[in-house]
């Protein structure tokens, strides 16, 4: 499954070394709901974009992040701490392995967020990139 980074927060505190925060377009009330019943640890990998003429400037050194869903709920934490090999930017796509069959079916509409999702199929060999072809799920009798 892939998710998009919708915002990030840099921790400026000098007294504690908290990881910076990434917020995704999905979280524990969506496709990550399996975290409620399983002790799953979610570790993403960055999907490198194809066809971007000017890459976004970023730091190419390891960065620590906590990863959050979009709901503003304090328990919508996908991962408390992960180390990525480079800086993550708003708009980046992160891939999560082995998400399973019950990701979409267990999603809720908590806090006004929809539980219908556009499904994007990454077409790639290892970490080469992702196509822009998008498809969506059939839901409520709608054809996509």
C-alpha atoms as a PDB file:
ATOM      1  CA  UNK A   1       0.000   0.000   0.000  1.00  0.00           C
ATOM      2  CA  UNK A   2       1.190   3.539  -0.671  1.00  0.00           C
ATOM      3  CA  UNK A   3       0.376   6.737   1.216  1.00  0.00           C
ATOM      4  CA  UNK A   4       1.198  10.341   0.539  1.00  0.00           C
ATOM      5  CA  UNK A   5       2.942  12.689   2.973  1.00  0.00           C
ATOM      6  CA  UNK A   6       0.452  15.541   3.414  1.00  0.00           C
ATOM      7  CA  UNK A   7       2.429  17.613   5.926  1.00  0.00           C
ATOM      8  CA  UNK A   8       5.382  17.428   8.271  1.00  0.00           C
ATOM      9  CA  UNK A   9       6.478  19.028  11.494  1.00  0.00           C
ATOM     10  CA  UNK A  10      10.069  19.666  12.460  1.00  0.00           C
ATOM     11  CA  UNK A  11      10.774  19.317  16.176  1.00  0.00           C
ATOM     12  CA  UNK A  12      12.748  22.419  17.173  1.00  0.00           C
ATOM     13  CA  UNK A  13      13.252  21.506  20.827  1.00  0.00           C
ATOM     14  CA  UNK A  14      16.875  21.423  21.870  1.00  0.00           C
ATOM     15  CA  UNK A  15      16.306  19.720  25.224  1.00  0.00           C
ATOM     16  CA  UNK A  16      14.706  16.567  23.840  1.00  0.00           C
ATOM     17  CA  UNK A  17      15.632  14.828  20.649  1.00  0.00           C
ATOM     18  CA  UNK A  18      12.145  13.933  19.422  1.00  0.00           C
ATOM     19  CA  UNK A  19      11.832  12.664  15.856  1.00  0.00           C
ATOM     20  CA  UNK A  20      10.278  14.980  13.281  1.00  0.00           C
ATOM     21  CA  UNK A  21       6.639  14.188  12.477  1.00  0.00           C
ATOM     22  CA  UNK A  22       5.188  13.077   9.130  1.00  0.00           C
ATOM     23  CA  UNK A  23       1.431  13.164   8.558  1.00  0.00           C
ATOM     24  CA  UNK A  24      -0.029  10.863   5.898  1.00  0.00           C
ATOM     25  CA  UNK A  25      -3.315  10.813   4.022  1.00  0.00           C
ATOM     26  CA  UNK A  26      -4.276   7.615   5.895  1.00  0.00           C
ATOM     27  CA  UNK A  27      -3.971   6.411   9.471  1.00  0.00           C
ATOM     28  CA  UNK A  28      -5.202   4.094  12.232  1.00  0.00           C
ATOM     29  CA  UNK A  29      -8.843   4.899  11.518  1.00  0.00           C
ATOM     30  CA  UNK A  30      -8.283   3.978   7.871  1.00  0.00           C
ATOM     31  CA  UNK A  31      -6.140   1.287   6.286  1.00  0.00           C
ATOM     32  CA  UNK A  32      -3.779   1.032   9.280  1.00  0.00           C
ATOM     33  CA  UNK A  33      -6.585  -0.124  11.598  1.00  0.00           C
ATOM     34  CA  UNK A  34      -4.913  -3.525  11.972  1.00  0.00           C
ATOM     35  CA  UNK A  35      -2.631  -1.894  14.519  1.00  0.00           C
ATOM     36  CA  UNK A  36      -5.550  -2.020  16.987  1.00  0.00           C
ATOM     37  CA  UNK A  37      -5.525  -5.838  17.006  1.00  0.00           C
ATOM     38  CA  UNK A  38      -2.008  -6.760  15.909  1.00  0.00           C
ATOM     39  CA  UNK A  39       1.420  -5.760  17.115  1.00  0.00           C
ATOM     40  CA  UNK A  40       2.382  -4.708  13.595  1.00  0.00           C
ATOM     41  CA  UNK A  41       5.328  -2.352  13.132  1.00  0.00           C
ATOM     42  CA  UNK A  42       4.975  -0.185  10.035  1.00  0.00           C
ATOM     43  CA  UNK A  43       8.243   0.757   8.328  1.00  0.00           C
ATOM     44  CA  UNK A  44       7.823   2.612   5.032  1.00  0.00           C
ATOM     45  CA  UNK A  45      10.123   3.011   2.056  1.00  0.00           C
ATOM     46  CA  UNK A  46      10.188   6.060  -0.168  1.00  0.00           C
ATOM     47  CA  UNK A  47       8.911   5.555  -3.701  1.00  0.00           C
ATOM     48  CA  UNK A  48      11.120   7.516  -6.051  1.00  0.00           C
ATOM     49  CA  UNK A  49       9.111   9.606  -8.492  1.00  0.00           C
ATOM     50  CA  UNK A  50       9.560   9.250 -12.219  1.00  0.00           C
ATOM     51  CA  UNK A  51       9.294  12.061 -14.686  1.00  0.00           C
ATOM     52  CA  UNK A  52       9.956  14.954 -12.324  1.00  0.00           C
ATOM     53  CA  UNK A  53      12.306  17.312 -14.124  1.00  0.00           C
ATOM     54  CA  UNK A  54      13.443  19.173 -10.997  1.00  0.00           C
ATOM     55  CA  UNK A  55      13.714  16.997  -7.907  1.00  0.00           C
ATOM     56  CA  UNK A  56      12.722  18.577  -4.613  1.00  0.00           C
ATOM     57  CA  UNK A  57      15.869  19.584  -2.694  1.00  0.00           C
ATOM     58  CA  UNK A  58      16.314  17.395   0.355  1.00  0.00           C
ATOM     59  CA  UNK A  59      19.001  16.336   2.790  1.00  0.00           C
ATOM     60  CA  UNK A  60      20.549  13.018   1.803  1.00  0.00           C
ATOM     61  CA  UNK A  61      21.329  11.707   5.258  1.00  0.00           C
ATOM     62  CA  UNK A  62      19.360   9.570   7.740  1.00  0.00           C
ATOM     63  CA  UNK A  63      16.356  11.267   9.378  1.00  0.00           C
ATOM     64  CA  UNK A  64      14.198  10.116  12.306  1.00  0.00           C
ATOM     65  CA  UNK A  65      10.432  10.446  11.991  1.00  0.00           C
ATOM     66  CA  UNK A  66       7.278   9.526  13.822  1.00  0.00           C
ATOM     67  CA  UNK A  67       4.455   8.821  11.354  1.00  0.00           C
ATOM     68  CA  UNK A  68       0.878   9.967  11.961  1.00  0.00           C
ATOM     69  CA  UNK A  69      -2.523   9.719  10.341  1.00  0.00           C
ATOM     70  CA  UNK A  70      -4.531  12.789   9.309  1.00  0.00           C
ATOM     71  CA  UNK A  71      -7.184  12.846  12.075  1.00  0.00           C
ATOM     72  CA  UNK A  72      -5.469  15.014  14.749  1.00  0.00           C
ATOM     73  CA  UNK A  73      -6.270  12.257  17.276  1.00  0.00           C
ATOM     74  CA  UNK A  74      -3.368  11.615  19.645  1.00  0.00           C
ATOM     75  CA  UNK A  75      -3.635   7.840  19.152  1.00  0.00           C
ATOM     76  CA  UNK A  76      -3.497   8.063  15.338  1.00  0.00           C
ATOM     77  CA  UNK A  77       0.210   7.191  15.434  1.00  0.00           C
ATOM     78  CA  UNK A  78       1.263   4.744  12.719  1.00  0.00           C
ATOM     79  CA  UNK A  79       4.920   4.474  13.802  1.00  0.00           C
ATOM     80  CA  UNK A  80       6.517   6.032  16.879  1.00  0.00           C
ATOM     81  CA  UNK A  81       9.954   6.177  15.305  1.00  0.00           C
ATOM     82  CA  UNK A  82      11.448   5.133  11.987  1.00  0.00           C
ATOM     83  CA  UNK A  83      14.757   6.075  10.435  1.00  0.00           C
ATOM     84  CA  UNK A  84      14.591   6.975   6.748  1.00  0.00           C
ATOM     85  CA  UNK A  85      17.764   7.168   4.666  1.00  0.00           C
ATOM     86  CA  UNK A  86      16.930  10.702   3.521  1.00  0.00           C
ATOM     87  CA  UNK A  87      14.724  13.667   4.327  1.00  0.00           C
ATOM     88  CA  UNK A  88      11.008  13.169   3.544  1.00  0.00           C
ATOM     89  CA  UNK A  89       9.117  15.972   1.841  1.00  0.00           C
ATOM     90  CA  UNK A  90       5.441  16.933   1.535  1.00  0.00           C
ATOM     91  CA  UNK A  91       4.083  15.126  -1.528  1.00  0.00           C
ATOM     92  CA  UNK A  92       6.379  12.104  -1.192  1.00  0.00           C
ATOM     93  CA  UNK A  93       4.812   8.651  -1.535  1.00  0.00           C
ATOM     94  CA  UNK A  94       5.663   5.993   1.062  1.00  0.00           C
ATOM     95  CA  UNK A  95       5.179   2.282   0.474  1.00  0.00           C
ATOM     96  CA  UNK A  96       4.163  -0.069   3.274  1.00  0.00           C
ATOM     97  CA  UNK A  97       4.698  -3.795   2.726  1.00  0.00           C
ATOM     98  CA  UNK A  98       2.360  -6.661   3.633  1.00  0.00           C
ATOM     99  CA  UNK A  99      -0.721  -4.632   4.492  1.00  0.00           C
ATOM    100  CA  UNK A 100      -3.122  -7.535   4.002  1.00  0.00           C
ATOM    101  CA  UNK A 101      -6.713  -8.013   2.931  1.00  0.00           C
ATOM    102  CA  UNK A 102      -8.486  -6.130   5.711  1.00  0.00           C
ATOM    103  CA  UNK A 103      -6.979  -2.697   5.294  1.00  0.00           C
ATOM    104  CA  UNK A 104      -9.822  -0.964   3.427  1.00  0.00           C
ATOM    105  CA  UNK A 105     -12.640  -3.131   4.776  1.00  0.00           C
ATOM    106  CA  UNK A 106     -11.837  -2.224   8.402  1.00  0.00           C
ATOM    107  CA  UNK A 107     -11.590   1.543   7.788  1.00  0.00           C
ATOM    108  CA  UNK A 108     -13.952   3.857   9.655  1.00  0.00           C
ATOM    109  CA  UNK A 109     -15.323   7.375   9.072  1.00  0.00           C
ATOM    110  CA  UNK A 110     -13.832   8.758  12.290  1.00  0.00           C
ATOM    111  CA  UNK A 111     -13.691  12.541  12.637  1.00  0.00           C
ATOM    112  CA  UNK A 112     -15.397  13.103   9.276  1.00  0.00           C
ATOM    113  CA  UNK A 113     -12.766  11.393   7.149  1.00  0.00           C
ATOM    114  CA  UNK A 114     -14.167   9.250   4.315  1.00  0.00           C
ATOM    115  CA  UNK A 115     -13.592   5.511   4.267  1.00  0.00           C
ATOM    116  CA  UNK A 116     -13.593   5.297   0.475  1.00  0.00           C
ATOM    117  CA  UNK A 117     -10.134   5.266  -0.999  1.00  0.00           C
ATOM    118  CA  UNK A 118      -8.642   5.730  -4.406  1.00  0.00           C
ATOM    119  CA  UNK A 119      -6.434   2.731  -5.038  1.00  0.00           C
ATOM    120  CA  UNK A 120      -3.091   3.429  -6.685  1.00  0.00           C
ATOM    121  CA  UNK A 121      -1.109   0.480  -7.979  1.00  0.00           C
ATOM    122  CA  UNK A 122       2.631   1.093  -7.867  1.00  0.00           C
ATOM    123  CA  UNK A 123       4.262  -0.440 -10.930  1.00  0.00           C
ATOM    124  CA  UNK A 124       7.899  -0.827 -10.131  1.00  0.00           C
ATOM    125  CA  UNK A 125      10.922  -3.016  -9.843  1.00  0.00           C
ATOM    126  CA  UNK A 126      12.294  -2.544  -6.332  1.00  0.00           C
ATOM    127  CA  UNK A 127      12.387   1.216  -5.664  1.00  0.00           C
ATOM    128  CA  UNK A 128      12.393   2.576  -9.244  1.00  0.00           C
ATOM    129  CA  UNK A 129       9.237   4.612  -9.008  1.00  0.00           C
ATOM    130  CA  UNK A 130       5.500   4.696  -9.450  1.00  0.00           C
ATOM    131  CA  UNK A 131       3.299   5.220 -12.479  1.00  0.00           C
ATOM    132  CA  UNK A 132       0.674   7.920 -12.468  1.00  0.00           C
ATOM    133  CA  UNK A 133      -2.041   5.500 -13.604  1.00  0.00           C
ATOM    134  CA  UNK A 134      -4.734   5.444 -10.955  1.00  0.00           C
ATOM    135  CA  UNK A 135      -7.742   3.245 -10.510  1.00  0.00           C
ATOM    136  CA  UNK A 136     -10.341   3.238  -7.808  1.00  0.00           C
ATOM    137  CA  UNK A 137     -12.387   0.710  -5.886  1.00  0.00           C
ATOM    138  CA  UNK A 138     -15.954  -0.227  -6.659  1.00  0.00           C
ATOM    139  CA  UNK A 139     -18.111   1.046  -3.871  1.00  0.00           C
ATOM    140  CA  UNK A 140     -21.805   1.554  -3.265  1.00  0.00           C
ATOM    141  CA  UNK A 141     -22.687   0.424  -6.776  1.00  0.00           C
ATOM    142  CA  UNK A 142     -20.419   2.974  -8.475  1.00  0.00           C
ATOM    143  CA  UNK A 143     -18.234   1.850 -11.344  1.00  0.00           C
ATOM    144  CA  UNK A 144     -14.847   3.450 -11.565  1.00  0.00           C
END
